[in-house]
Amino acid sequence: MAASKIAITIDDKMLKQIDILVKANYFPNRSRAIQDAVAEKLARLEKSRLAQECAKLDPEFEQSLAEEGFSVEMEEWPEY
């Protein structure tokens, strides 16, 4: 995967916390720590977006779509 080098400004306190994690070998370097943090935030935003879109759905309409044709199919199913 291609990578791009960027410059960021970060709070001193946050940088010290990152450095502690790097020193403890939680991350191999600052760059990886920041990459992981950004990736996690983007994943959370995507899940949040999915939840927002799901909230727009009408449960009754979705249920009717799920059951559409179900009664016809049940007649075709064998008895057990």
N, C-alpha and C. Protein backbone atom coordinates (compact mmCIF):
# COMPACT_ATOMS: atom_id res chain seq x y z
N MET A 1 0.85 -1.17 0.00
CA MET A 1 0.00 0.00 0.00
C MET A 1 0.90 1.24 0.00
N ALA A 2 0.55 2.18 -0.83
CA ALA A 2 1.32 3.42 -0.90
C ALA A 2 1.07 4.26 0.34
N ALA A 3 2.07 4.99 0.75
CA ALA A 3 1.96 5.85 1.92
C ALA A 3 2.44 7.24 1.56
N SER A 4 1.89 8.22 2.23
CA SER A 4 2.29 9.61 2.02
C SER A 4 2.81 10.18 3.32
N LYS A 5 3.82 10.98 3.21
CA LYS A 5 4.39 11.63 4.38
C LYS A 5 3.68 12.96 4.57
N ILE A 6 3.25 13.22 5.81
CA ILE A 6 2.58 14.48 6.12
C ILE A 6 3.19 15.08 7.38
N ALA A 7 2.91 16.33 7.62
CA ALA A 7 3.35 16.99 8.85
C ALA A 7 2.10 17.33 9.64
N ILE A 8 2.16 17.09 10.95
CA ILE A 8 1.02 17.42 11.81
C ILE A 8 1.51 18.22 13.01
N THR A 9 0.58 18.91 13.61
CA THR A 9 0.85 19.61 14.87
C THR A 9 0.08 18.85 15.94
N ILE A 10 0.77 18.55 17.04
CA ILE A 10 0.15 17.76 18.09
C ILE A 10 0.48 18.36 19.45
N ASP A 11 -0.45 18.30 20.34
CA ASP A 11 -0.30 18.81 21.70
C ASP A 11 0.88 18.11 22.40
N ASP A 12 1.66 18.86 23.17
CA ASP A 12 2.82 18.30 23.87
C ASP A 12 2.45 17.14 24.80
N LYS A 13 1.34 17.29 25.52
CA LYS A 13 0.91 16.24 26.44
C LYS A 13 0.58 14.95 25.68
N MET A 14 -0.10 15.11 24.55
CA MET A 14 -0.44 13.94 23.75
C MET A 14 0.82 13.29 23.17
N LEU A 15 1.76 14.10 22.75
CA LEU A 15 3.01 13.57 22.21
C LEU A 15 3.78 12.79 23.27
N LYS A 16 3.78 13.28 24.50
CA LYS A 16 4.45 12.56 25.58
C LYS A 16 3.78 11.21 25.83
N GLN A 17 2.45 11.18 25.75
CA GLN A 17 1.73 9.91 25.92
C GLN A 17 2.08 8.93 24.81
N ILE A 18 2.18 9.43 23.59
CA ILE A 18 2.57 8.58 22.45
C ILE A 18 3.98 8.06 22.65
N ASP A 19 4.88 8.93 23.08
CA ASP A 19 6.26 8.52 23.31
C ASP A 19 6.37 7.44 24.39
N ILE A 20 5.53 7.53 25.42
CA ILE A 20 5.52 6.51 26.47
C ILE A 20 5.09 5.17 25.88
N LEU A 21 4.07 5.18 25.01
CA LEU A 21 3.60 3.95 24.38
C LEU A 21 4.66 3.37 23.44
N VAL A 22 5.37 4.22 22.74
CA VAL A 22 6.44 3.76 21.85
C VAL A 22 7.57 3.15 22.69
N LYS A 23 7.94 3.84 23.77
CA LYS A 23 9.02 3.34 24.64
C LYS A 23 8.65 1.98 25.26
N ALA A 24 7.34 1.79 25.53
CA ALA A 24 6.87 0.53 26.10
C ALA A 24 6.65 -0.54 25.02
N ASN A 25 7.06 -0.23 23.80
CA ASN A 25 6.92 -1.14 22.66
C ASN A 25 5.47 -1.48 22.32
N TYR A 26 4.55 -0.61 22.72
CA TYR A 26 3.15 -0.80 22.32
C TYR A 26 3.02 -0.48 20.84
N PHE A 27 3.78 0.51 20.37
CA PHE A 27 3.88 0.87 18.96
C PHE A 27 5.35 0.89 18.59
N PRO A 28 5.69 0.58 17.34
CA PRO A 28 7.10 0.61 16.94
C PRO A 28 7.65 2.04 16.82
N ASN A 29 6.75 2.98 16.54
CA ASN A 29 7.20 4.37 16.38
C ASN A 29 5.99 5.31 16.46
N ARG A 30 6.27 6.59 16.48
CA ARG A 30 5.21 7.60 16.55
C ARG A 30 4.27 7.51 15.36
N SER A 31 4.86 7.34 14.21
CA SER A 31 4.06 7.29 12.99
C SER A 31 3.01 6.20 13.04
N ARG A 32 3.42 5.02 13.49
CA ARG A 32 2.48 3.89 13.57
C ARG A 32 1.39 4.15 14.60
N ALA A 33 1.74 4.80 15.71
CA ALA A 33 0.77 5.13 16.74
C ALA A 33 -0.31 6.05 16.17
N ILE A 34 0.12 7.05 15.44
CA ILE A 34 -0.82 8.01 14.87
C ILE A 34 -1.63 7.36 13.75
N GLN A 35 -1.00 6.52 12.93
CA GLN A 35 -1.74 5.80 11.88
C GLN A 35 -2.85 4.95 12.49
N ASP A 36 -2.53 4.21 13.54
CA ASP A 36 -3.52 3.36 14.18
C ASP A 36 -4.66 4.18 14.78
N ALA A 37 -4.33 5.30 15.38
CA ALA A 37 -5.35 6.16 15.99
C ALA A 37 -6.30 6.71 14.92
N VAL A 38 -5.75 7.14 13.81
CA VAL A 38 -6.57 7.69 12.73
C VAL A 38 -7.44 6.58 12.12
N ALA A 39 -6.86 5.40 11.92
CA ALA A 39 -7.62 4.28 11.36
C ALA A 39 -8.78 3.90 12.28
N GLU A 40 -8.52 3.87 13.59
CA GLU A 40 -9.57 3.54 14.55
C GLU A 40 -10.69 4.57 14.53
N LYS A 41 -10.32 5.84 14.46
CA LYS A 41 -11.32 6.91 14.43
C LYS A 41 -12.16 6.81 13.16
N LEU A 42 -11.52 6.55 12.02
CA LEU A 42 -12.26 6.43 10.77
C LEU A 42 -13.22 5.25 10.81
N ALA A 43 -12.80 4.15 11.41
CA ALA A 43 -13.67 2.98 11.54
C ALA A 43 -14.88 3.30 12.42
N ARG A 44 -14.64 4.02 13.51
CA ARG A 44 -15.75 4.41 14.40
C ARG A 44 -16.73 5.32 13.68
N LEU A 45 -16.21 6.25 12.91
CA LEU A 45 -17.09 7.16 12.15
C LEU A 45 -17.92 6.39 11.13
N GLU A 46 -17.32 5.41 10.50
CA GLU A 46 -18.04 4.60 9.51
C GLU A 46 -19.16 3.81 10.19
N LYS A 47 -18.88 3.23 11.36
CA LYS A 47 -19.92 2.50 12.09
C LYS A 47 -21.03 3.44 12.52
N SER A 48 -20.66 4.63 12.93
CA SER A 48 -21.64 5.63 13.34
C SER A 48 -22.51 6.02 12.15
N ARG A 49 -21.89 6.15 10.99
CA ARG A 49 -22.64 6.50 9.78
C ARG A 49 -23.62 5.39 9.43
N LEU A 50 -23.19 4.14 9.56
CA LEU A 50 -24.06 3.01 9.28
C LEU A 50 -25.26 3.02 10.24
N ALA A 51 -25.01 3.29 11.51
CA ALA A 51 -26.09 3.35 12.50
C ALA A 51 -27.07 4.47 12.17
N GLN A 52 -26.55 5.60 11.73
CA GLN A 52 -27.42 6.72 11.35
C GLN A 52 -28.29 6.36 10.16
N GLU A 53 -27.72 5.68 9.19
CA GLU A 53 -28.49 5.28 8.01
C GLU A 53 -29.54 4.23 8.38
N CYS A 54 -29.18 3.30 9.26
CA CYS A 54 -30.14 2.27 9.70
C CYS A 54 -31.30 2.90 10.46
N ALA A 55 -31.03 3.95 11.20
CA ALA A 55 -32.08 4.63 11.96
C ALA A 55 -33.11 5.28 11.05
N LYS A 56 -32.73 5.54 9.82
CA LYS A 56 -33.66 6.15 8.85
C LYS A 56 -34.65 5.14 8.29
N LEU A 57 -34.36 3.86 8.45
CA LEU A 57 -35.23 2.83 7.88
C LEU A 57 -36.53 2.72 8.67
N ASP A 58 -37.60 2.39 7.95
CA ASP A 58 -38.91 2.17 8.57
C ASP A 58 -39.03 0.68 8.90
N PRO A 59 -39.04 0.31 10.19
CA PRO A 59 -39.06 -1.11 10.56
C PRO A 59 -40.25 -1.87 9.98
N GLU A 60 -41.42 -1.26 9.95
CA GLU A 60 -42.60 -1.94 9.42
C GLU A 60 -42.44 -2.22 7.93
N PHE A 61 -41.92 -1.26 7.19
CA PHE A 61 -41.71 -1.46 5.76
C PHE A 61 -40.66 -2.54 5.52
N GLU A 62 -39.58 -2.50 6.29
CA GLU A 62 -38.53 -3.51 6.14
C GLU A 62 -39.06 -4.91 6.47
N GLN A 63 -39.92 -5.00 7.49
CA GLN A 63 -40.51 -6.29 7.85
C GLN A 63 -41.41 -6.79 6.73
N SER A 64 -42.19 -5.88 6.14
CA SER A 64 -43.07 -6.30 5.03
C SER A 64 -42.26 -6.79 3.84
N LEU A 65 -41.12 -6.15 3.59
CA LEU A 65 -40.25 -6.61 2.50
C LEU A 65 -39.69 -7.99 2.80
N ALA A 66 -39.31 -8.21 4.06
CA ALA A 66 -38.74 -9.49 4.45
C ALA A 66 -39.77 -10.61 4.34
N GLU A 67 -41.02 -10.30 4.62
CA GLU A 67 -42.06 -11.31 4.60
C GLU A 67 -42.75 -11.46 3.24
N GLU A 68 -42.41 -10.58 2.31
CA GLU A 68 -43.05 -10.61 1.00
C GLU A 68 -42.83 -11.97 0.34
N GLY A 69 -43.91 -12.61 -0.02
CA GLY A 69 -43.82 -13.90 -0.68
C GLY A 69 -43.55 -15.05 0.27
N PHE A 70 -43.43 -14.77 1.54
CA PHE A 70 -43.11 -15.81 2.52
C PHE A 70 -44.24 -16.83 2.65
N SER A 71 -45.48 -16.35 2.62
CA SER A 71 -46.62 -17.27 2.78
C SER A 71 -46.68 -18.25 1.61
N VAL A 72 -46.34 -17.80 0.41
CA VAL A 72 -46.33 -18.69 -0.74
C VAL A 72 -45.23 -19.73 -0.59
N GLU A 73 -44.07 -19.32 -0.10
CA GLU A 73 -42.96 -20.23 0.08
C GLU A 73 -43.26 -21.28 1.14
N MET A 74 -43.96 -20.90 2.19
CA MET A 74 -44.26 -21.85 3.26
C MET A 74 -45.11 -23.01 2.76
N GLU A 75 -45.98 -22.74 1.80
CA GLU A 75 -46.82 -23.82 1.25
C GLU A 75 -45.98 -24.82 0.49
N GLU A 76 -44.85 -24.39 -0.04
CA GLU A 76 -43.97 -25.26 -0.82
C GLU A 76 -43.03 -26.06 0.06
N TRP A 77 -42.86 -25.69 1.32
CA TRP A 77 -41.93 -26.38 2.20
C TRP A 77 -42.51 -27.72 2.63
N PRO A 78 -41.70 -28.75 2.70
CA PRO A 78 -42.21 -30.06 3.12
C PRO A 78 -42.47 -30.08 4.63
N GLU A 79 -43.40 -30.94 5.04
CA GLU A 79 -43.68 -31.13 6.46
C GLU A 79 -42.56 -31.98 7.06
N TYR A 80 -42.21 -31.72 8.26
CA TYR A 80 -41.18 -32.51 8.94
C TYR A 80 -41.79 -33.38 9.99
